[in-house]
C-alpha cells in the first residue's frame, strides 16, 4: 500500500520524505489556504521534494475553466496529478485529461456508483472519503471494500483506490485490510503508526541494560 500525506505544509512533507515513507502528496484549496502562500508556489516546491504524484486541485466548477486551470497546473512539474471533483464537469475533465496522458485524481467520492464513473473516465486515482462518511453514521471502510471489489471484476479499470479523509491509525489499518491501493493521511496520523507502549517499554529496557554493561559499539 502506498502512503500519501494530505497536507500543504512543506516542513511536514520534508520530514516524512526523509524517513522514506512518502509515495506522494495530496493537497486541496483548503490546505493551500492554510499555508498562507501562493498556490502555484506551494505545489512547485512540493513537487521538488516528492518524486511521486502530487495532487493539485482545480477550483473552477465548469469544464472549460477546469481545463484551463489544469493546463496551468500540469506545467508545474511532470509529477503533478490533476485533482477534479466528482461532478459531471469534473468527470468530463477527467476523461479529456486522461485521454491526453494526464494522471487525474477524482475527489469527493461518497458512493460506489461515483467510483465506477471515475474509473470509466480513466482516473488514475479515485478518492472515497472515509472519515466524512463516518461522521454521518455511514461506514466509510465498507465503501472502500465495495469499490475494491467492483474494480476487481474489471481488469481494464486501471484506477487506484485512494482512501481519503483518514482520521486516525485504525483507518489506515482498516483501509489496508479492505485492499486500498493508497491512503492519504494527515502527517500526525502517519507518525502515530509508529507508536506502541510495548515498543517504548522494550526500548527503555534495552537501553538500561546496555548502559549497565559499560560497552560501546563505537
C-alpha atoms as a PDB file:
ATOM      1  CA  UNK A   1       0.000   0.000   0.000  1.00  0.00           C
ATOM      2  CA  UNK A   2       1.219   3.470  -0.866  1.00  0.00           C
ATOM      3  CA  UNK A   3       1.379   6.283   1.676  1.00  0.00           C
ATOM      4  CA  UNK A   4       0.441   9.800   0.572  1.00  0.00           C
ATOM      5  CA  UNK A   5       0.396  12.678   3.030  1.00  0.00           C
ATOM      6  CA  UNK A   6      -2.552  15.064   2.948  1.00  0.00           C
ATOM      7  CA  UNK A   7      -1.009  18.457   3.610  1.00  0.00           C
ATOM      8  CA  UNK A   8       0.419  21.610   2.080  1.00  0.00           C
ATOM      9  CA  UNK A   9       2.944  22.030   4.915  1.00  0.00           C
ATOM     10  CA  UNK A  10       6.334  21.734   3.235  1.00  0.00           C
ATOM     11  CA  UNK A  11       8.117  21.098   6.540  1.00  0.00           C
ATOM     12  CA  UNK A  12       5.877  18.100   7.290  1.00  0.00           C
ATOM     13  CA  UNK A  13       6.440  16.735   3.800  1.00  0.00           C
ATOM     14  CA  UNK A  14      10.229  17.045   4.093  1.00  0.00           C
ATOM     15  CA  UNK A  15      10.246  15.217   7.448  1.00  0.00           C
ATOM     16  CA  UNK A  16       8.242  12.294   6.086  1.00  0.00           C
ATOM     17  CA  UNK A  17      10.238  12.177   2.862  1.00  0.00           C
ATOM     18  CA  UNK A  18      13.460  11.995   4.867  1.00  0.00           C
ATOM     19  CA  UNK A  19      12.216   8.863   6.650  1.00  0.00           C
ATOM     20  CA  UNK A  20      11.473   7.275   3.279  1.00  0.00           C
ATOM     21  CA  UNK A  21       7.774   6.671   3.896  1.00  0.00           C
ATOM     22  CA  UNK A  22       6.301   9.006   1.337  1.00  0.00           C
ATOM     23  CA  UNK A  23       4.945   7.873  -2.032  1.00  0.00           C
ATOM     24  CA  UNK A  24       3.020  11.043  -2.888  1.00  0.00           C
ATOM     25  CA  UNK A  25       1.127  14.093  -1.637  1.00  0.00           C
ATOM     26  CA  UNK A  26      -2.451  15.289  -1.866  1.00  0.00           C
ATOM     27  CA  UNK A  27      -3.443  18.919  -1.487  1.00  0.00           C
ATOM     28  CA  UNK A  28      -6.696  20.844  -1.786  1.00  0.00           C
ATOM     29  CA  UNK A  29      -7.713  24.522  -1.797  1.00  0.00           C
ATOM     30  CA  UNK A  30      -8.394  24.485   1.958  1.00  0.00           C
ATOM     31  CA  UNK A  31      -4.937  23.096   2.801  1.00  0.00           C
ATOM     32  CA  UNK A  32      -3.232  25.575   0.481  1.00  0.00           C
ATOM     33  CA  UNK A  33      -5.178  28.464   2.008  1.00  0.00           C
ATOM     34  CA  UNK A  34      -3.991  27.450   5.491  1.00  0.00           C
ATOM     35  CA  UNK A  35      -0.383  27.659   4.315  1.00  0.00           C
ATOM     36  CA  UNK A  36      -0.799  31.388   3.598  1.00  0.00           C
ATOM     37  CA  UNK A  37       1.307  31.032   0.449  1.00  0.00           C
ATOM     38  CA  UNK A  38       0.641  31.256  -3.277  1.00  0.00           C
ATOM     39  CA  UNK A  39      -0.956  28.108  -4.655  1.00  0.00           C
ATOM     40  CA  UNK A  40       1.395  27.544  -7.588  1.00  0.00           C
ATOM     41  CA  UNK A  41       4.499  28.201  -5.473  1.00  0.00           C
ATOM     42  CA  UNK A  42       3.462  25.621  -2.874  1.00  0.00           C
ATOM     43  CA  UNK A  43       2.706  22.938  -5.455  1.00  0.00           C
ATOM     44  CA  UNK A  44       6.003  23.568  -7.250  1.00  0.00           C
ATOM     45  CA  UNK A  45       8.001  23.232  -4.026  1.00  0.00           C
ATOM     46  CA  UNK A  46       6.211  20.021  -3.046  1.00  0.00           C
ATOM     47  CA  UNK A  47       6.915  18.548  -6.483  1.00  0.00           C
ATOM     48  CA  UNK A  48      10.623  19.171  -5.958  1.00  0.00           C
ATOM     49  CA  UNK A  49      10.583  17.251  -2.657  1.00  0.00           C
ATOM     50  CA  UNK A  50       8.464  14.266  -3.700  1.00  0.00           C
ATOM     51  CA  UNK A  51       9.068  12.020  -6.697  1.00  0.00           C
ATOM     52  CA  UNK A  52       5.583  10.505  -6.634  1.00  0.00           C
ATOM     53  CA  UNK A  53       2.251  12.046  -7.639  1.00  0.00           C
ATOM     54  CA  UNK A  54       1.321  15.425  -6.164  1.00  0.00           C
ATOM     55  CA  UNK A  55      -2.403  16.105  -6.457  1.00  0.00           C
ATOM     56  CA  UNK A  56      -3.216  19.732  -7.270  1.00  0.00           C
ATOM     57  CA  UNK A  57      -6.914  20.539  -7.382  1.00  0.00           C
ATOM     58  CA  UNK A  58      -8.766  22.704  -9.866  1.00  0.00           C
ATOM     59  CA  UNK A  59     -11.095  25.253  -8.287  1.00  0.00           C
ATOM     60  CA  UNK A  60     -13.491  26.072 -11.133  1.00  0.00           C
ATOM     61  CA  UNK A  61     -16.957  24.456 -11.312  1.00  0.00           C
ATOM     62  CA  UNK A  62     -17.236  24.305 -15.118  1.00  0.00           C
ATOM     63  CA  UNK A  63     -15.477  22.161 -17.714  1.00  0.00           C
ATOM     64  CA  UNK A  64     -13.921  24.917 -19.815  1.00  0.00           C
ATOM     65  CA  UNK A  65     -12.319  26.660 -16.834  1.00  0.00           C
ATOM     66  CA  UNK A  66     -11.264  23.376 -15.261  1.00  0.00           C
ATOM     67  CA  UNK A  67      -9.378  22.557 -18.449  1.00  0.00           C
ATOM     68  CA  UNK A  68      -7.705  25.971 -18.462  1.00  0.00           C
ATOM     69  CA  UNK A  69      -6.660  25.581 -14.818  1.00  0.00           C
ATOM     70  CA  UNK A  70      -5.424  22.047 -15.490  1.00  0.00           C
ATOM     71  CA  UNK A  71      -3.276  23.360 -18.346  1.00  0.00           C
ATOM     72  CA  UNK A  72      -1.538  25.692 -15.877  1.00  0.00           C
ATOM     73  CA  UNK A  73      -1.156  23.069 -13.156  1.00  0.00           C
ATOM     74  CA  UNK A  74       0.258  20.337 -15.374  1.00  0.00           C
ATOM     75  CA  UNK A  75       3.071  22.665 -16.472  1.00  0.00           C
ATOM     76  CA  UNK A  76       4.386  22.915 -12.897  1.00  0.00           C
ATOM     77  CA  UNK A  77       6.088  19.505 -12.926  1.00  0.00           C
ATOM     78  CA  UNK A  78       5.847  16.077 -14.525  1.00  0.00           C
ATOM     79  CA  UNK A  79       4.583  14.503 -11.289  1.00  0.00           C
ATOM     80  CA  UNK A  80       1.529  16.748 -10.889  1.00  0.00           C
ATOM     81  CA  UNK A  81      -1.763  14.847 -10.805  1.00  0.00           C
ATOM     82  CA  UNK A  82      -4.806  16.972 -11.541  1.00  0.00           C
ATOM     83  CA  UNK A  83      -7.495  16.653  -8.903  1.00  0.00           C
ATOM     84  CA  UNK A  84     -11.090  17.157 -10.032  1.00  0.00           C
ATOM     85  CA  UNK A  85     -14.394  16.925  -8.156  1.00  0.00           C
ATOM     86  CA  UNK A  86     -16.953  14.172  -8.668  1.00  0.00           C
ATOM     87  CA  UNK A  87     -19.332  16.220 -10.797  1.00  0.00           C
ATOM     88  CA  UNK A  88     -20.422  15.974 -14.418  1.00  0.00           C
ATOM     89  CA  UNK A  89     -17.933  18.650 -15.402  1.00  0.00           C
ATOM     90  CA  UNK A  90     -15.262  17.057 -13.248  1.00  0.00           C
ATOM     91  CA  UNK A  91     -15.709  13.655 -14.892  1.00  0.00           C
ATOM     92  CA  UNK A  92     -15.732  15.261 -18.344  1.00  0.00           C
ATOM     93  CA  UNK A  93     -12.475  16.996 -17.452  1.00  0.00           C
ATOM     94  CA  UNK A  94     -11.059  13.714 -16.158  1.00  0.00           C
ATOM     95  CA  UNK A  95     -11.857  11.963 -19.423  1.00  0.00           C
ATOM     96  CA  UNK A  96     -10.224  14.657 -21.568  1.00  0.00           C
ATOM     97  CA  UNK A  97      -7.097  14.826 -19.396  1.00  0.00           C
ATOM     98  CA  UNK A  98      -6.752  11.052 -19.078  1.00  0.00           C
ATOM     99  CA  UNK A  99      -7.022  10.679 -22.848  1.00  0.00           C
ATOM    100  CA  UNK A 100      -4.120  13.127 -23.062  1.00  0.00           C
ATOM    101  CA  UNK A 101      -1.983  11.028 -20.731  1.00  0.00           C
ATOM    102  CA  UNK A 102      -2.501  13.103 -17.579  1.00  0.00           C
ATOM    103  CA  UNK A 103      -2.921  11.460 -14.167  1.00  0.00           C
ATOM    104  CA  UNK A 104      -6.234  12.514 -12.615  1.00  0.00           C
ATOM    105  CA  UNK A 105      -7.446  12.135  -9.036  1.00  0.00           C
ATOM    106  CA  UNK A 106     -11.253  12.217  -8.731  1.00  0.00           C
ATOM    107  CA  UNK A 107     -12.103  13.531  -5.278  1.00  0.00           C
ATOM    108  CA  UNK A 108     -15.181  13.898  -3.072  1.00  0.00           C
ATOM    109  CA  UNK A 109     -16.337  10.372  -3.838  1.00  0.00           C
ATOM    110  CA  UNK A 110     -19.006   9.015  -1.492  1.00  0.00           C
ATOM    111  CA  UNK A 111     -20.552   6.089  -3.367  1.00  0.00           C
ATOM    112  CA  UNK A 112     -19.569   3.045  -5.394  1.00  0.00           C
ATOM    113  CA  UNK A 113     -21.582   4.425  -8.318  1.00  0.00           C
ATOM    114  CA  UNK A 114     -19.401   7.538  -8.370  1.00  0.00           C
ATOM    115  CA  UNK A 115     -16.276   5.371  -8.233  1.00  0.00           C
ATOM    116  CA  UNK A 116     -17.443   3.437 -11.296  1.00  0.00           C
ATOM    117  CA  UNK A 117     -17.862   6.697 -13.215  1.00  0.00           C
ATOM    118  CA  UNK A 118     -14.340   7.801 -12.236  1.00  0.00           C
ATOM    119  CA  UNK A 119     -12.850   4.529 -13.464  1.00  0.00           C
ATOM    120  CA  UNK A 120     -14.815   4.707 -16.720  1.00  0.00           C
ATOM    121  CA  UNK A 121     -13.391   8.205 -17.254  1.00  0.00           C
ATOM    122  CA  UNK A 122      -9.836   6.905 -16.879  1.00  0.00           C
ATOM    123  CA  UNK A 123      -8.976   8.338 -13.464  1.00  0.00           C
ATOM    124  CA  UNK A 124      -5.580   7.326 -12.098  1.00  0.00           C
ATOM    125  CA  UNK A 125      -6.957   7.635  -8.557  1.00  0.00           C
ATOM    126  CA  UNK A 126     -10.406   7.677  -7.000  1.00  0.00           C
ATOM    127  CA  UNK A 127     -10.663   9.248  -3.543  1.00  0.00           C
ATOM    128  CA  UNK A 128     -13.504   7.909  -1.340  1.00  0.00           C
ATOM    129  CA  UNK A 129     -13.795   9.960   1.864  1.00  0.00           C
ATOM    130  CA  UNK A 130     -13.762   7.532   4.779  1.00  0.00           C
ATOM    131  CA  UNK A 131     -13.918   9.922   7.723  1.00  0.00           C
ATOM    132  CA  UNK A 132     -16.626  12.167   6.312  1.00  0.00           C
ATOM    133  CA  UNK A 133     -18.876   9.156   5.776  1.00  0.00           C
ATOM    134  CA  UNK A 134     -18.218   8.005   9.332  1.00  0.00           C
ATOM    135  CA  UNK A 135     -19.218  11.489  10.501  1.00  0.00           C
ATOM    136  CA  UNK A 136     -22.761  10.967   9.184  1.00  0.00           C
ATOM    137  CA  UNK A 137     -23.058   7.420  10.557  1.00  0.00           C
ATOM    138  CA  UNK A 138     -22.193   5.679   7.279  1.00  0.00           C
ATOM    139  CA  UNK A 139     -19.429   3.077   7.051  1.00  0.00           C
ATOM    140  CA  UNK A 140     -16.525   4.646   5.171  1.00  0.00           C
ATOM    141  CA  UNK A 141     -14.409   1.487   5.206  1.00  0.00           C
ATOM    142  CA  UNK A 142     -17.275  -0.526   3.735  1.00  0.00           C
ATOM    143  CA  UNK A 143     -17.239   1.863   0.775  1.00  0.00           C
ATOM    144  CA  UNK A 144     -13.532   1.118   0.271  1.00  0.00           C
ATOM    145  CA  UNK A 145     -14.330  -2.611   0.319  1.00  0.00           C
ATOM    146  CA  UNK A 146     -17.146  -2.160  -2.204  1.00  0.00           C
ATOM    147  CA  UNK A 147     -15.020  -0.163  -4.644  1.00  0.00           C
ATOM    148  CA  UNK A 148     -12.077  -2.573  -4.403  1.00  0.00           C
ATOM    149  CA  UNK A 149     -14.442  -5.486  -5.032  1.00  0.00           C
ATOM    150  CA  UNK A 150     -16.077  -3.814  -8.049  1.00  0.00           C
ATOM    151  CA  UNK A 151     -12.784  -2.793  -9.613  1.00  0.00           C
ATOM    152  CA  UNK A 152     -11.558  -6.361  -9.195  1.00  0.00           C
ATOM    153  CA  UNK A 153     -14.310  -7.505 -11.556  1.00  0.00           C
ATOM    154  CA  UNK A 154     -12.948  -5.338 -14.369  1.00  0.00           C
ATOM    155  CA  UNK A 155      -9.217  -5.726 -15.112  1.00  0.00           C
ATOM    156  CA  UNK A 156      -9.474  -2.925 -17.681  1.00  0.00           C
ATOM    157  CA  UNK A 157     -10.010  -0.437 -14.857  1.00  0.00           C
ATOM    158  CA  UNK A 158      -6.577   0.993 -14.065  1.00  0.00           C
ATOM    159  CA  UNK A 159      -7.854   3.257 -11.303  1.00  0.00           C
ATOM    160  CA  UNK A 160      -6.217   3.001  -7.874  1.00  0.00           C
ATOM    161  CA  UNK A 161      -8.406   3.258  -4.778  1.00  0.00           C
ATOM    162  CA  UNK A 162      -7.059   6.108  -2.666  1.00  0.00           C
ATOM    163  CA  UNK A 163      -8.613   6.104   0.812  1.00  0.00           C
ATOM    164  CA  UNK A 164      -9.014   9.748   1.838  1.00  0.00           C
ATOM    165  CA  UNK A 165     -10.351  11.663   4.836  1.00  0.00           C
ATOM    166  CA  UNK A 166      -8.315   9.400   7.109  1.00  0.00           C
ATOM    167  CA  UNK A 167      -8.650  10.450  10.742  1.00  0.00           C
ATOM    168  CA  UNK A 168      -6.520   8.027  12.772  1.00  0.00           C
ATOM    169  CA  UNK A 169      -4.251   4.953  12.566  1.00  0.00           C
ATOM    170  CA  UNK A 170      -7.147   2.474  12.654  1.00  0.00           C
ATOM    171  CA  UNK A 171      -8.473   3.989   9.431  1.00  0.00           C
ATOM    172  CA  UNK A 172      -5.102   3.229   7.853  1.00  0.00           C
ATOM    173  CA  UNK A 173      -5.141  -0.383   9.048  1.00  0.00           C
ATOM    174  CA  UNK A 174      -8.767  -0.902   8.011  1.00  0.00           C
ATOM    175  CA  UNK A 175      -8.107   0.633   4.591  1.00  0.00           C
ATOM    176  CA  UNK A 176      -5.209  -1.789   4.127  1.00  0.00           C
ATOM    177  CA  UNK A 177      -7.426  -4.705   5.162  1.00  0.00           C
ATOM    178  CA  UNK A 178     -10.055  -3.526   2.675  1.00  0.00           C
ATOM    179  CA  UNK A 179      -7.482  -3.559  -0.130  1.00  0.00           C
ATOM    180  CA  UNK A 180      -6.987   0.165  -0.752  1.00  0.00           C
ATOM    181  CA  UNK A 181      -4.074   0.851  -3.076  1.00  0.00           C
ATOM    182  CA  UNK A 182      -3.237   4.149  -1.381  1.00  0.00           C
ATOM    183  CA  UNK A 183      -4.058   6.006   1.820  1.00  0.00           C
ATOM    184  CA  UNK A 184      -3.631   9.734   2.090  1.00  0.00           C
ATOM    185  CA  UNK A 185      -3.107  10.655   5.709  1.00  0.00           C
ATOM    186  CA  UNK A 186      -2.511  13.784   7.784  1.00  0.00           C
ATOM    187  CA  UNK A 187       1.095  13.843   8.975  1.00  0.00           C
ATOM    188  CA  UNK A 188       0.050  13.436  12.624  1.00  0.00           C
ATOM    189  CA  UNK A 189      -1.831  10.193  11.927  1.00  0.00           C
ATOM    190  CA  UNK A 190       1.046   8.840   9.860  1.00  0.00           C
ATOM    191  CA  UNK A 191       3.543   9.419  12.688  1.00  0.00           C
ATOM    192  CA  UNK A 192       1.115   7.765  15.129  1.00  0.00           C
ATOM    193  CA  UNK A 193       1.555   4.477  13.253  1.00  0.00           C
ATOM    194  CA  UNK A 194       4.959   4.190  14.932  1.00  0.00           C
ATOM    195  CA  UNK A 195       3.534   4.254  18.450  1.00  0.00           C
ATOM    196  CA  UNK A 196       3.054   1.290  20.775  1.00  0.00           C
ATOM    197  CA  UNK A 197       3.618   1.284  24.550  1.00  0.00           C
ATOM    198  CA  UNK A 198       5.338  -2.117  24.464  1.00  0.00           C
ATOM    199  CA  UNK A 199       7.844  -0.820  21.917  1.00  0.00           C
ATOM    200  CA  UNK A 200       8.643   2.101  24.237  1.00  0.00           C
ATOM    201  CA  UNK A 201       8.899  -0.210  27.244  1.00  0.00           C
ATOM    202  CA  UNK A 202      11.117  -2.694  25.444  1.00  0.00           C
ATOM    203  CA  UNK A 203      13.434   0.021  24.141  1.00  0.00           C
ATOM    204  CA  UNK A 204      13.785   1.540  27.597  1.00  0.00           C
ATOM    205  CA  UNK A 205      14.762  -1.885  28.956  1.00  0.00           C
ATOM    206  CA  UNK A 206      17.366  -2.439  26.222  1.00  0.00           C
ATOM    207  CA  UNK A 207      18.885   0.992  26.844  1.00  0.00           C
ATOM    208  CA  UNK A 208      19.071   0.400  30.607  1.00  0.00           C
ATOM    209  CA  UNK A 209      20.738  -2.994  30.188  1.00  0.00           C
ATOM    210  CA  UNK A 210      23.206  -1.627  27.651  1.00  0.00           C
ATOM    211  CA  UNK A 211      24.159   1.235  29.941  1.00  0.00           C
ATOM    212  CA  UNK A 212      24.868  -1.235  32.760  1.00  0.00           C
ATOM    213  CA  UNK A 213      27.153  -3.274  30.517  1.00  0.00           C
ATOM    214  CA  UNK A 214      29.562  -0.363  30.127  1.00  0.00           C
ATOM    215  CA  UNK A 215      30.114  -1.257  26.489  1.00  0.00           C
ATOM    216  CA  UNK A 216      30.074   0.872  23.344  1.00  0.00           C
ATOM    217  CA  UNK A 217      29.686  -0.102  19.694  1.00  0.00           C
ATOM    218  CA  UNK A 218      31.589   2.998  18.572  1.00  0.00           C
END
